[in-house]
Amino acid sequence: MAFTLPELPYAYDALQPYMSKETLEYHHDKHHNAYVETGNKLAADAGMGDLPVEEVVKQSFGKNQGLFNNAGQHYNHIHFWQWMKPNGGGKSLPGKLQTAFDSDLGGYDKFRADFTDAGKTQFGSGWAWVAVKDGKLQIMKTPNGENPLVHGASPILGVDVWEHSYYIDYRNARPKYLEAFVDSLINWDHVLEMYEKAVG
């Protein structure tokens, strides 16, 4: 199952002013596309060219770093584009998510503080996550292209804190980017869809 670059689910300028057309053009068309092209070559070389991306991520972790880096980033970005939408973010969570956030993460305000803090404190490149592990939500952070799949968890929300995700728009102000992501970009419907799959 070769990796393919997904189309963005919105126009390149749809997330402005929080994420610019220029950022999306570079991030999607150049960076994500490079993970797809390199990942396909390395997956084929490793005999994993027919596996779903989730399996490639799990099977290459700790064994084939080059393949893992590209497969992990491909998986992460497939969802990253869907975790955002125009007029997204904010406190209006679908009921089932709100209940889980209240019981597992201490409510929306605590989630917002802890999630943005995970992104701020991830040293260098990486991601901040909300993931389901052992039936409960938890906030995680990972370096580079790593994700919760390799830690026995299912990601339901992630934010990219590699510089190419925010430097054009925010320069070195990563906290402002994270706040804009939570307040104005999150597509809670996709988060709910992934949550429902994760909890069964």
N, C-alpha and C. Protein backbone atom coordinates (compact mmCIF):
# COMPACT_ATOMS: atom_id res chain seq x y z
N MET A 1 0.86 -1.18 0.00
CA MET A 1 0.00 0.00 0.00
C MET A 1 0.90 1.24 0.00
N ALA A 2 1.30 1.65 -1.19
CA ALA A 2 2.25 2.76 -1.30
C ALA A 2 1.68 4.03 -0.67
N PHE A 3 2.59 4.81 -0.09
CA PHE A 3 2.19 6.10 0.48
C PHE A 3 1.79 7.04 -0.65
N THR A 4 0.75 7.81 -0.45
CA THR A 4 0.38 8.85 -1.42
C THR A 4 0.14 10.15 -0.67
N LEU A 5 0.48 11.24 -1.31
CA LEU A 5 0.28 12.56 -0.72
C LEU A 5 -1.20 12.91 -0.79
N PRO A 6 -1.87 13.11 0.35
CA PRO A 6 -3.29 13.45 0.28
C PRO A 6 -3.48 14.91 -0.14
N GLU A 7 -4.61 15.17 -0.78
CA GLU A 7 -4.97 16.57 -1.05
C GLU A 7 -5.29 17.24 0.28
N LEU A 8 -5.02 18.53 0.38
CA LEU A 8 -5.48 19.26 1.55
C LEU A 8 -7.00 19.30 1.55
N PRO A 9 -7.65 19.20 2.71
CA PRO A 9 -9.12 19.21 2.74
C PRO A 9 -9.71 20.63 2.71
N TYR A 10 -8.89 21.62 2.36
CA TYR A 10 -9.33 23.02 2.28
C TYR A 10 -8.37 23.72 1.33
N ALA A 11 -8.70 24.93 0.93
CA ALA A 11 -7.83 25.72 0.05
C ALA A 11 -6.56 26.13 0.81
N TYR A 12 -5.49 26.41 0.06
CA TYR A 12 -4.22 26.80 0.68
C TYR A 12 -4.34 28.06 1.54
N ASP A 13 -5.27 28.92 1.19
CA ASP A 13 -5.40 30.18 1.95
C ASP A 13 -6.52 30.11 3.00
N ALA A 14 -7.11 28.93 3.21
CA ALA A 14 -8.30 28.82 4.06
C ALA A 14 -8.02 28.97 5.55
N LEU A 15 -6.78 28.76 5.97
CA LEU A 15 -6.47 28.81 7.40
C LEU A 15 -5.88 30.15 7.84
N GLN A 16 -5.79 31.08 6.89
CA GLN A 16 -5.28 32.41 7.25
C GLN A 16 -6.25 33.10 8.18
N PRO A 17 -5.76 33.95 9.09
CA PRO A 17 -4.38 34.41 9.27
C PRO A 17 -3.55 33.51 10.19
N TYR A 18 -4.11 32.39 10.63
CA TYR A 18 -3.41 31.57 11.63
C TYR A 18 -2.33 30.69 11.02
N MET A 19 -2.55 30.28 9.76
CA MET A 19 -1.53 29.54 9.02
C MET A 19 -1.62 30.00 7.58
N SER A 20 -0.52 30.50 7.06
CA SER A 20 -0.54 31.17 5.76
C SER A 20 -0.53 30.19 4.60
N LYS A 21 -0.94 30.72 3.46
CA LYS A 21 -0.88 29.97 2.20
C LYS A 21 0.57 29.51 1.94
N GLU A 22 1.52 30.39 2.19
CA GLU A 22 2.94 30.06 1.95
C GLU A 22 3.38 28.89 2.83
N THR A 23 2.99 28.91 4.09
CA THR A 23 3.34 27.80 4.99
C THR A 23 2.76 26.49 4.48
N LEU A 24 1.48 26.50 4.10
CA LEU A 24 0.86 25.25 3.63
C LEU A 24 1.49 24.77 2.33
N GLU A 25 1.83 25.68 1.44
CA GLU A 25 2.46 25.27 0.18
C GLU A 25 3.81 24.58 0.45
N TYR A 26 4.60 25.16 1.32
CA TYR A 26 5.89 24.54 1.65
C TYR A 26 5.70 23.26 2.44
N HIS A 27 4.85 23.32 3.44
CA HIS A 27 4.72 22.22 4.39
C HIS A 27 4.08 21.00 3.71
N HIS A 28 3.01 21.20 2.98
CA HIS A 28 2.32 20.10 2.31
C HIS A 28 3.04 19.68 1.04
N ASP A 29 3.27 20.62 0.14
CA ASP A 29 3.77 20.28 -1.20
C ASP A 29 5.24 19.86 -1.21
N LYS A 30 6.02 20.41 -0.29
CA LYS A 30 7.46 20.10 -0.28
C LYS A 30 7.80 19.10 0.84
N HIS A 31 7.54 19.47 2.08
CA HIS A 31 7.96 18.62 3.20
C HIS A 31 7.20 17.28 3.22
N HIS A 32 5.87 17.35 3.22
CA HIS A 32 5.11 16.09 3.28
C HIS A 32 5.39 15.25 2.03
N ASN A 33 5.45 15.88 0.90
CA ASN A 33 5.72 15.13 -0.33
C ASN A 33 7.08 14.41 -0.26
N ALA A 34 8.06 15.05 0.36
CA ALA A 34 9.38 14.40 0.49
C ALA A 34 9.29 13.16 1.38
N TYR A 35 8.49 13.22 2.45
CA TYR A 35 8.31 12.03 3.30
C TYR A 35 7.66 10.90 2.50
N VAL A 36 6.71 11.25 1.65
CA VAL A 36 6.02 10.24 0.83
C VAL A 36 7.00 9.59 -0.15
N GLU A 37 7.74 10.41 -0.87
CA GLU A 37 8.64 9.87 -1.91
C GLU A 37 9.77 9.05 -1.29
N THR A 38 10.39 9.60 -0.25
CA THR A 38 11.49 8.87 0.40
C THR A 38 10.95 7.63 1.10
N GLY A 39 9.80 7.78 1.77
CA GLY A 39 9.20 6.65 2.48
C GLY A 39 8.86 5.50 1.55
N ASN A 40 8.34 5.80 0.38
CA ASN A 40 8.00 4.74 -0.57
C ASN A 40 9.25 3.97 -1.01
N LYS A 41 10.32 4.69 -1.27
CA LYS A 41 11.55 4.03 -1.70
C LYS A 41 12.10 3.14 -0.58
N LEU A 42 12.14 3.69 0.64
CA LEU A 42 12.70 2.93 1.76
C LEU A 42 11.80 1.76 2.16
N ALA A 43 10.48 1.96 2.07
CA ALA A 43 9.56 0.86 2.39
C ALA A 43 9.72 -0.28 1.39
N ALA A 44 9.84 0.06 0.11
CA ALA A 44 10.05 -0.97 -0.92
C ALA A 44 11.35 -1.71 -0.66
N ASP A 45 12.42 -0.97 -0.35
CA ASP A 45 13.73 -1.59 -0.08
C ASP A 45 13.67 -2.53 1.11
N ALA A 46 12.80 -2.21 2.08
CA ALA A 46 12.70 -3.01 3.31
C ALA A 46 11.66 -4.13 3.19
N GLY A 47 11.03 -4.26 2.02
CA GLY A 47 10.01 -5.29 1.84
C GLY A 47 8.70 -4.96 2.55
N MET A 48 8.46 -3.68 2.82
CA MET A 48 7.23 -3.26 3.51
C MET A 48 6.34 -2.40 2.61
N GLY A 49 6.61 -2.42 1.32
CA GLY A 49 5.89 -1.54 0.40
C GLY A 49 4.40 -1.79 0.31
N ASP A 50 3.94 -2.99 0.73
CA ASP A 50 2.51 -3.30 0.64
C ASP A 50 1.77 -3.13 1.96
N LEU A 51 2.48 -2.72 3.00
CA LEU A 51 1.84 -2.61 4.32
C LEU A 51 1.18 -1.24 4.52
N PRO A 52 0.12 -1.18 5.32
CA PRO A 52 -0.47 0.13 5.68
C PRO A 52 0.56 0.94 6.46
N VAL A 53 0.43 2.26 6.37
CA VAL A 53 1.43 3.15 6.99
C VAL A 53 1.57 2.89 8.49
N GLU A 54 0.46 2.58 9.19
CA GLU A 54 0.55 2.34 10.63
C GLU A 54 1.47 1.15 10.93
N GLU A 55 1.38 0.11 10.08
CA GLU A 55 2.21 -1.08 10.28
C GLU A 55 3.67 -0.79 9.96
N VAL A 56 3.91 0.01 8.93
CA VAL A 56 5.29 0.38 8.60
C VAL A 56 5.91 1.14 9.77
N VAL A 57 5.13 2.07 10.34
CA VAL A 57 5.62 2.84 11.49
C VAL A 57 6.00 1.90 12.63
N LYS A 58 5.11 0.99 12.98
CA LYS A 58 5.36 0.10 14.12
C LYS A 58 6.52 -0.85 13.86
N GLN A 59 6.56 -1.41 12.64
CA GLN A 59 7.58 -2.42 12.35
C GLN A 59 8.97 -1.83 12.14
N SER A 60 9.04 -0.56 11.73
CA SER A 60 10.36 0.04 11.48
C SER A 60 10.94 0.71 12.72
N PHE A 61 10.11 0.92 13.75
CA PHE A 61 10.56 1.64 14.96
C PHE A 61 11.70 0.87 15.64
N GLY A 62 12.82 1.56 15.83
CA GLY A 62 13.97 0.95 16.50
C GLY A 62 14.76 0.00 15.63
N LYS A 63 14.33 -0.18 14.37
CA LYS A 63 15.00 -1.14 13.49
C LYS A 63 15.52 -0.51 12.21
N ASN A 64 14.74 0.43 11.66
CA ASN A 64 15.11 1.05 10.38
C ASN A 64 14.79 2.55 10.51
N GLN A 65 15.76 3.29 11.02
CA GLN A 65 15.50 4.68 11.40
C GLN A 65 15.06 5.54 10.22
N GLY A 66 15.71 5.37 9.07
CA GLY A 66 15.35 6.19 7.91
C GLY A 66 13.91 5.96 7.49
N LEU A 67 13.52 4.70 7.41
CA LEU A 67 12.14 4.37 7.04
C LEU A 67 11.18 4.87 8.11
N PHE A 68 11.52 4.65 9.38
CA PHE A 68 10.65 5.09 10.46
C PHE A 68 10.42 6.61 10.42
N ASN A 69 11.49 7.36 10.21
CA ASN A 69 11.36 8.82 10.18
C ASN A 69 10.34 9.25 9.13
N ASN A 70 10.44 8.70 7.94
CA ASN A 70 9.58 9.12 6.84
C ASN A 70 8.16 8.56 6.96
N ALA A 71 8.04 7.30 7.38
CA ALA A 71 6.71 6.71 7.56
C ALA A 71 5.98 7.39 8.71
N GLY A 72 6.71 7.67 9.80
CA GLY A 72 6.10 8.35 10.94
C GLY A 72 5.60 9.73 10.56
N GLN A 73 6.42 10.47 9.84
CA GLN A 73 6.01 11.81 9.44
C GLN A 73 4.87 11.77 8.42
N HIS A 74 4.84 10.77 7.57
CA HIS A 74 3.72 10.64 6.63
C HIS A 74 2.43 10.40 7.41
N TYR A 75 2.46 9.44 8.35
CA TYR A 75 1.27 9.17 9.16
C TYR A 75 0.84 10.44 9.92
N ASN A 76 1.79 11.09 10.55
CA ASN A 76 1.48 12.28 11.35
C ASN A 76 0.81 13.36 10.50
N HIS A 77 1.33 13.56 9.30
CA HIS A 77 0.82 14.64 8.45
C HIS A 77 -0.51 14.30 7.79
N ILE A 78 -0.76 13.04 7.48
CA ILE A 78 -2.08 12.65 6.95
C ILE A 78 -3.16 13.21 7.87
N HIS A 79 -2.92 13.06 9.18
CA HIS A 79 -3.91 13.50 10.16
C HIS A 79 -3.78 14.98 10.50
N PHE A 80 -2.55 15.50 10.47
CA PHE A 80 -2.36 16.92 10.81
C PHE A 80 -3.23 17.81 9.93
N TRP A 81 -3.26 17.54 8.63
CA TRP A 81 -4.10 18.37 7.74
C TRP A 81 -5.57 18.27 8.14
N GLN A 82 -5.98 17.09 8.57
CA GLN A 82 -7.39 16.90 8.94
C GLN A 82 -7.72 17.41 10.34
N TRP A 83 -6.68 17.56 11.16
CA TRP A 83 -6.90 18.09 12.50
C TRP A 83 -7.10 19.60 12.50
N MET A 84 -7.06 20.21 11.32
CA MET A 84 -7.29 21.65 11.21
C MET A 84 -8.43 21.92 10.25
N LYS A 85 -9.11 23.04 10.48
CA LYS A 85 -10.14 23.48 9.55
C LYS A 85 -10.34 24.99 9.74
N PRO A 86 -10.88 25.67 8.71
CA PRO A 86 -11.20 27.09 8.90
C PRO A 86 -12.24 27.24 10.01
N ASN A 87 -12.11 28.28 10.79
CA ASN A 87 -13.04 28.55 11.91
C ASN A 87 -13.11 27.38 12.89
N GLY A 88 -11.96 26.77 13.11
CA GLY A 88 -11.89 25.65 14.04
C GLY A 88 -11.53 26.10 15.45
N GLY A 89 -11.13 25.12 16.26
CA GLY A 89 -10.66 25.41 17.60
C GLY A 89 -11.76 25.81 18.56
N GLY A 90 -11.34 26.32 19.70
CA GLY A 90 -12.28 26.80 20.69
C GLY A 90 -12.84 25.71 21.57
N LYS A 91 -13.76 26.12 22.44
CA LYS A 91 -14.23 25.24 23.52
C LYS A 91 -15.43 24.38 23.18
N SER A 92 -15.98 24.52 21.96
CA SER A 92 -17.20 23.77 21.63
C SER A 92 -16.87 22.36 21.17
N LEU A 93 -16.61 21.48 22.11
CA LEU A 93 -16.27 20.09 21.79
C LEU A 93 -17.55 19.27 21.66
N PRO A 94 -17.55 18.28 20.75
CA PRO A 94 -18.67 17.34 20.73
C PRO A 94 -18.83 16.69 22.11
N GLY A 95 -20.07 16.39 22.48
CA GLY A 95 -20.39 15.94 23.83
C GLY A 95 -19.53 14.79 24.35
N LYS A 96 -19.33 13.78 23.50
CA LYS A 96 -18.57 12.60 23.92
C LYS A 96 -17.12 12.97 24.24
N LEU A 97 -16.56 13.87 23.42
CA LEU A 97 -15.18 14.34 23.66
C LEU A 97 -15.12 15.17 24.92
N GLN A 98 -16.09 16.05 25.09
CA GLN A 98 -16.11 16.91 26.28
C GLN A 98 -16.10 16.07 27.54
N THR A 99 -16.91 15.01 27.55
CA THR A 99 -16.96 14.11 28.71
C THR A 99 -15.60 13.49 28.98
N ALA A 100 -14.94 13.01 27.91
CA ALA A 100 -13.62 12.38 28.07
C ALA A 100 -12.56 13.39 28.51
N PHE A 101 -12.62 14.60 27.94
CA PHE A 101 -11.65 15.64 28.33
C PHE A 101 -11.85 16.02 29.79
N ASP A 102 -13.12 16.08 30.22
CA ASP A 102 -13.40 16.43 31.62
C ASP A 102 -12.87 15.34 32.57
N SER A 103 -13.13 14.08 32.22
CA SER A 103 -12.78 13.01 33.16
C SER A 103 -11.29 12.67 33.12
N ASP A 104 -10.66 12.72 31.94
CA ASP A 104 -9.27 12.25 31.81
C ASP A 104 -8.24 13.38 31.84
N LEU A 105 -8.60 14.56 31.36
CA LEU A 105 -7.62 15.64 31.21
C LEU A 105 -7.90 16.84 32.11
N GLY A 106 -8.93 16.75 32.94
CA GLY A 106 -9.21 17.84 33.86
C GLY A 106 -9.98 19.00 33.25
N GLY A 107 -10.63 18.74 32.10
CA GLY A 107 -11.43 19.78 31.46
C GLY A 107 -10.68 20.52 30.37
N TYR A 108 -11.41 21.35 29.64
CA TYR A 108 -10.85 22.03 28.47
C TYR A 108 -9.69 22.96 28.84
N ASP A 109 -9.86 23.78 29.86
CA ASP A 109 -8.82 24.77 30.18
C ASP A 109 -7.50 24.11 30.58
N LYS A 110 -7.62 23.02 31.34
CA LYS A 110 -6.40 22.29 31.73
C LYS A 110 -5.79 21.61 30.50
N PHE A 111 -6.64 21.03 29.65
CA PHE A 111 -6.12 20.46 28.39
C PHE A 111 -5.35 21.52 27.61
N ARG A 112 -5.95 22.71 27.45
CA ARG A 112 -5.31 23.77 26.64
C ARG A 112 -3.95 24.12 27.22
N ALA A 113 -3.88 24.28 28.52
CA ALA A 113 -2.61 24.63 29.17
C ALA A 113 -1.58 23.50 29.03
N ASP A 114 -2.01 22.27 29.27
CA ASP A 114 -1.07 21.14 29.26
C ASP A 114 -0.62 20.78 27.84
N PHE A 115 -1.54 20.87 26.88
CA PHE A 115 -1.21 20.54 25.49
C PHE A 115 -0.25 21.58 24.91
N THR A 116 -0.54 22.86 25.12
CA THR A 116 0.37 23.89 24.60
C THR A 116 1.72 23.81 25.32
N ASP A 117 1.70 23.46 26.60
CA ASP A 117 2.97 23.33 27.33
C ASP A 117 3.80 22.16 26.78
N ALA A 118 3.13 21.06 26.43
CA ALA A 118 3.85 19.92 25.83
C ALA A 118 4.53 20.35 24.53
N GLY A 119 3.82 21.14 23.72
CA GLY A 119 4.41 21.64 22.48
C GLY A 119 5.54 22.62 22.72
N LYS A 120 5.39 23.48 23.71
CA LYS A 120 6.43 24.48 24.01
C LYS A 120 7.70 23.82 24.52
N THR A 121 7.53 22.76 25.32
CA THR A 121 8.68 22.16 26.00
C THR A 121 9.29 20.98 25.24
N GLN A 122 8.73 20.65 24.07
CA GLN A 122 9.37 19.62 23.23
C GLN A 122 10.64 20.25 22.65
N PHE A 123 11.79 19.78 23.11
CA PHE A 123 13.06 20.39 22.67
C PHE A 123 13.32 20.02 21.22
N GLY A 124 13.59 21.02 20.40
CA GLY A 124 13.85 20.76 18.99
C GLY A 124 12.59 20.37 18.26
N SER A 125 12.73 19.56 17.22
CA SER A 125 11.59 19.17 16.39
C SER A 125 10.79 18.07 17.06
N GLY A 126 9.49 18.06 16.79
CA GLY A 126 8.66 16.99 17.34
C GLY A 126 7.19 17.34 17.29
N TRP A 127 6.42 16.68 18.14
CA TRP A 127 4.96 16.80 18.14
C TRP A 127 4.44 16.78 19.58
N ALA A 128 3.29 17.41 19.77
CA ALA A 128 2.51 17.27 21.01
C ALA A 128 1.22 16.56 20.66
N TRP A 129 0.73 15.73 21.58
CA TRP A 129 -0.38 14.83 21.27
C TRP A 129 -1.42 14.77 22.38
N VAL A 130 -2.65 14.44 21.98
CA VAL A 130 -3.62 13.82 22.88
C VAL A 130 -3.81 12.41 22.33
N ALA A 131 -3.63 11.41 23.18
CA ALA A 131 -3.73 10.03 22.73
C ALA A 131 -4.53 9.20 23.72
N VAL A 132 -5.07 8.10 23.23
CA VAL A 132 -5.78 7.14 24.08
C VAL A 132 -4.82 6.01 24.42
N LYS A 133 -4.60 5.82 25.71
CA LYS A 133 -3.77 4.69 26.16
C LYS A 133 -4.50 4.00 27.30
N ASP A 134 -4.66 2.69 27.18
CA ASP A 134 -5.39 1.91 28.21
C ASP A 134 -6.77 2.51 28.46
N GLY A 135 -7.42 2.97 27.38
CA GLY A 135 -8.79 3.46 27.48
C GLY A 135 -8.94 4.88 27.99
N LYS A 136 -7.81 5.54 28.33
CA LYS A 136 -7.87 6.90 28.88
C LYS A 136 -7.09 7.87 28.00
N LEU A 137 -7.53 9.12 28.00
CA LEU A 137 -6.81 10.17 27.28
C LEU A 137 -5.59 10.60 28.08
N GLN A 138 -4.51 10.85 27.36
CA GLN A 138 -3.36 11.48 28.00
C GLN A 138 -2.64 12.38 27.01
N ILE A 139 -1.93 13.36 27.56
CA ILE A 139 -1.14 14.28 26.72
C ILE A 139 0.29 13.77 26.68
N MET A 140 0.85 13.73 25.47
CA MET A 140 2.20 13.21 25.27
C MET A 140 2.96 14.18 24.37
N LYS A 141 4.28 14.02 24.35
CA LYS A 141 5.09 14.72 23.34
C LYS A 141 6.14 13.74 22.86
N THR A 142 6.53 13.89 21.61
CA THR A 142 7.51 12.97 21.03
C THR A 142 8.50 13.77 20.18
N PRO A 143 9.73 13.27 20.04
CA PRO A 143 10.71 13.94 19.20
C PRO A 143 10.55 13.56 17.73
N ASN A 144 10.97 14.46 16.88
CA ASN A 144 11.08 14.21 15.43
C ASN A 144 9.78 13.65 14.86
N GLY A 145 9.83 12.48 14.18
CA GLY A 145 8.62 11.94 13.56
C GLY A 145 7.93 10.88 14.40
N GLU A 146 8.41 10.70 15.63
CA GLU A 146 7.84 9.66 16.50
C GLU A 146 6.39 10.03 16.86
N ASN A 147 5.58 9.02 17.12
CA ASN A 147 4.19 9.28 17.50
C ASN A 147 3.70 8.24 18.50
N PRO A 148 2.51 8.44 19.07
CA PRO A 148 2.03 7.54 20.12
C PRO A 148 1.84 6.09 19.68
N LEU A 149 1.73 5.82 18.39
CA LEU A 149 1.54 4.44 17.92
C LEU A 149 2.64 3.51 18.45
N VAL A 150 3.87 4.03 18.58
CA VAL A 150 4.98 3.18 18.99
C VAL A 150 5.12 3.12 20.51
N HIS A 151 4.18 3.75 21.21
CA HIS A 151 4.17 3.71 22.67
C HIS A 151 2.87 3.08 23.18
N GLY A 152 2.26 2.25 22.34
CA GLY A 152 1.05 1.54 22.73
C GLY A 152 -0.17 2.42 22.90
N ALA A 153 -0.18 3.55 22.18
CA ALA A 153 -1.29 4.49 22.30
C ALA A 153 -1.82 4.85 20.92
N SER A 154 -3.04 5.39 20.89
CA SER A 154 -3.66 5.82 19.63
C SER A 154 -3.83 7.34 19.64
N PRO A 155 -3.12 8.06 18.75
CA PRO A 155 -3.27 9.51 18.74
C PRO A 155 -4.64 9.93 18.25
N ILE A 156 -5.23 10.94 18.91
CA ILE A 156 -6.50 11.49 18.41
C ILE A 156 -6.36 12.97 18.04
N LEU A 157 -5.25 13.60 18.48
CA LEU A 157 -4.97 15.00 18.13
C LEU A 157 -3.47 15.19 18.22
N GLY A 158 -2.91 15.88 17.22
CA GLY A 158 -1.48 16.17 17.27
C GLY A 158 -1.19 17.52 16.64
N VAL A 159 -0.15 18.17 17.15
CA VAL A 159 0.29 19.43 16.56
C VAL A 159 1.79 19.32 16.25
N ASP A 160 2.14 19.75 15.06
CA ASP A 160 3.50 19.70 14.55
C ASP A 160 4.28 20.89 15.10
N VAL A 161 5.37 20.62 15.83
CA VAL A 161 6.19 21.74 16.31
C VAL A 161 7.57 21.77 15.64
N TRP A 162 7.68 21.15 14.47
CA TRP A 162 8.86 21.39 13.64
C TRP A 162 8.80 22.85 13.16
N GLU A 163 9.96 23.47 13.01
CA GLU A 163 9.95 24.89 12.63
C GLU A 163 9.25 25.15 11.30
N HIS A 164 9.30 24.18 10.37
CA HIS A 164 8.65 24.45 9.08
C HIS A 164 7.13 24.59 9.21
N SER A 165 6.58 24.18 10.35
CA SER A 165 5.14 24.30 10.55
C SER A 165 4.72 25.72 10.96
N TYR A 166 5.67 26.48 11.50
CA TYR A 166 5.25 27.80 12.03
C TYR A 166 6.20 28.95 11.76
N TYR A 167 7.42 28.69 11.26
CA TYR A 167 8.42 29.75 11.24
C TYR A 167 8.09 30.89 10.29
N ILE A 168 7.48 30.59 9.16
CA ILE A 168 7.11 31.66 8.21
C ILE A 168 6.13 32.63 8.87
N ASP A 169 5.19 32.09 9.64
CA ASP A 169 4.11 32.90 10.21
C ASP A 169 4.43 33.46 11.59
N TYR A 170 5.20 32.72 12.39
CA TYR A 170 5.39 33.12 13.79
C TYR A 170 6.85 33.33 14.16
N ARG A 171 7.77 33.15 13.20
CA ARG A 171 9.20 33.17 13.50
C ARG A 171 9.48 32.23 14.67
N ASN A 172 10.13 32.71 15.72
CA ASN A 172 10.49 31.80 16.81
C ASN A 172 9.44 31.75 17.92
N ALA A 173 8.26 32.33 17.68
CA ALA A 173 7.22 32.40 18.73
C ALA A 173 6.35 31.14 18.71
N ARG A 174 6.95 30.01 19.06
CA ARG A 174 6.21 28.75 19.06
C ARG A 174 4.97 28.80 19.96
N PRO A 175 5.03 29.43 21.16
CA PRO A 175 3.82 29.48 22.00
C PRO A 175 2.64 30.15 21.31
N LYS A 176 2.88 31.22 20.54
CA LYS A 176 1.77 31.90 19.84
C LYS A 176 1.15 30.98 18.80
N TYR A 177 1.99 30.24 18.09
CA TYR A 177 1.50 29.27 17.10
C TYR A 177 0.64 28.20 17.78
N LEU A 178 1.09 27.67 18.91
CA LEU A 178 0.34 26.63 19.61
C LEU A 178 -1.01 27.16 20.10
N GLU A 179 -1.02 28.38 20.60
CA GLU A 179 -2.27 28.97 21.07
C GLU A 179 -3.24 29.18 19.90
N ALA A 180 -2.72 29.65 18.76
CA ALA A 180 -3.57 29.84 17.58
C ALA A 180 -4.13 28.50 17.09
N PHE A 181 -3.31 27.46 17.15
CA PHE A 181 -3.75 26.12 16.73
C PHE A 181 -4.95 25.67 17.58
N VAL A 182 -4.80 25.79 18.90
CA VAL A 182 -5.87 25.32 19.80
C VAL A 182 -7.10 26.21 19.70
N ASP A 183 -6.90 27.51 19.68
CA ASP A 183 -8.02 28.45 19.75
C ASP A 183 -8.76 28.61 18.43
N SER A 184 -8.06 28.41 17.29
CA SER A 184 -8.65 28.80 16.01
C SER A 184 -8.57 27.77 14.88
N LEU A 185 -7.89 26.65 15.10
CA LEU A 185 -7.68 25.72 13.97
C LEU A 185 -8.18 24.30 14.20
N ILE A 186 -8.25 23.82 15.42
CA ILE A 186 -8.55 22.38 15.62
C ILE A 186 -9.90 22.01 15.02
N ASN A 187 -9.88 20.91 14.27
CA ASN A 187 -11.10 20.31 13.73
C ASN A 187 -11.57 19.23 14.71
N TRP A 188 -12.45 19.63 15.62
CA TRP A 188 -12.88 18.70 16.67
C TRP A 188 -13.63 17.49 16.12
N ASP A 189 -14.21 17.61 14.93
CA ASP A 189 -14.92 16.47 14.33
C ASP A 189 -13.94 15.34 14.00
N HIS A 190 -12.75 15.70 13.49
CA HIS A 190 -11.76 14.66 13.18
C HIS A 190 -11.19 14.06 14.47
N VAL A 191 -11.04 14.90 15.49
CA VAL A 191 -10.59 14.40 16.80
C VAL A 191 -11.61 13.38 17.33
N LEU A 192 -12.88 13.70 17.24
CA LEU A 192 -13.93 12.80 17.71
C LEU A 192 -13.90 11.48 16.92
N GLU A 193 -13.75 11.59 15.61
CA GLU A 193 -13.71 10.37 14.76
C GLU A 193 -12.57 9.46 15.21
N MET A 194 -11.39 10.02 15.45
CA MET A 194 -10.25 9.21 15.87
C MET A 194 -10.44 8.67 17.30
N TYR A 195 -11.09 9.46 18.13
CA TYR A 195 -11.37 9.02 19.51
C TYR A 195 -12.31 7.81 19.48
N GLU A 196 -13.34 7.90 18.66
CA GLU A 196 -14.30 6.79 18.60
C GLU A 196 -13.65 5.52 18.08
N LYS A 197 -12.74 5.66 17.10
CA LYS A 197 -12.01 4.47 16.59
C LYS A 197 -11.12 3.90 17.68
N ALA A 198 -10.48 4.79 18.44
CA ALA A 198 -9.50 4.34 19.44
C ALA A 198 -10.16 3.62 20.61
N VAL A 199 -11.36 4.09 21.00
CA VAL A 199 -12.01 3.46 22.17
C VAL A 199 -12.95 2.33 21.78
N GLY A 200 -13.20 2.20 20.47
CA GLY A 200 -14.00 1.08 19.96
C GLY A 200 -15.49 1.19 20.22
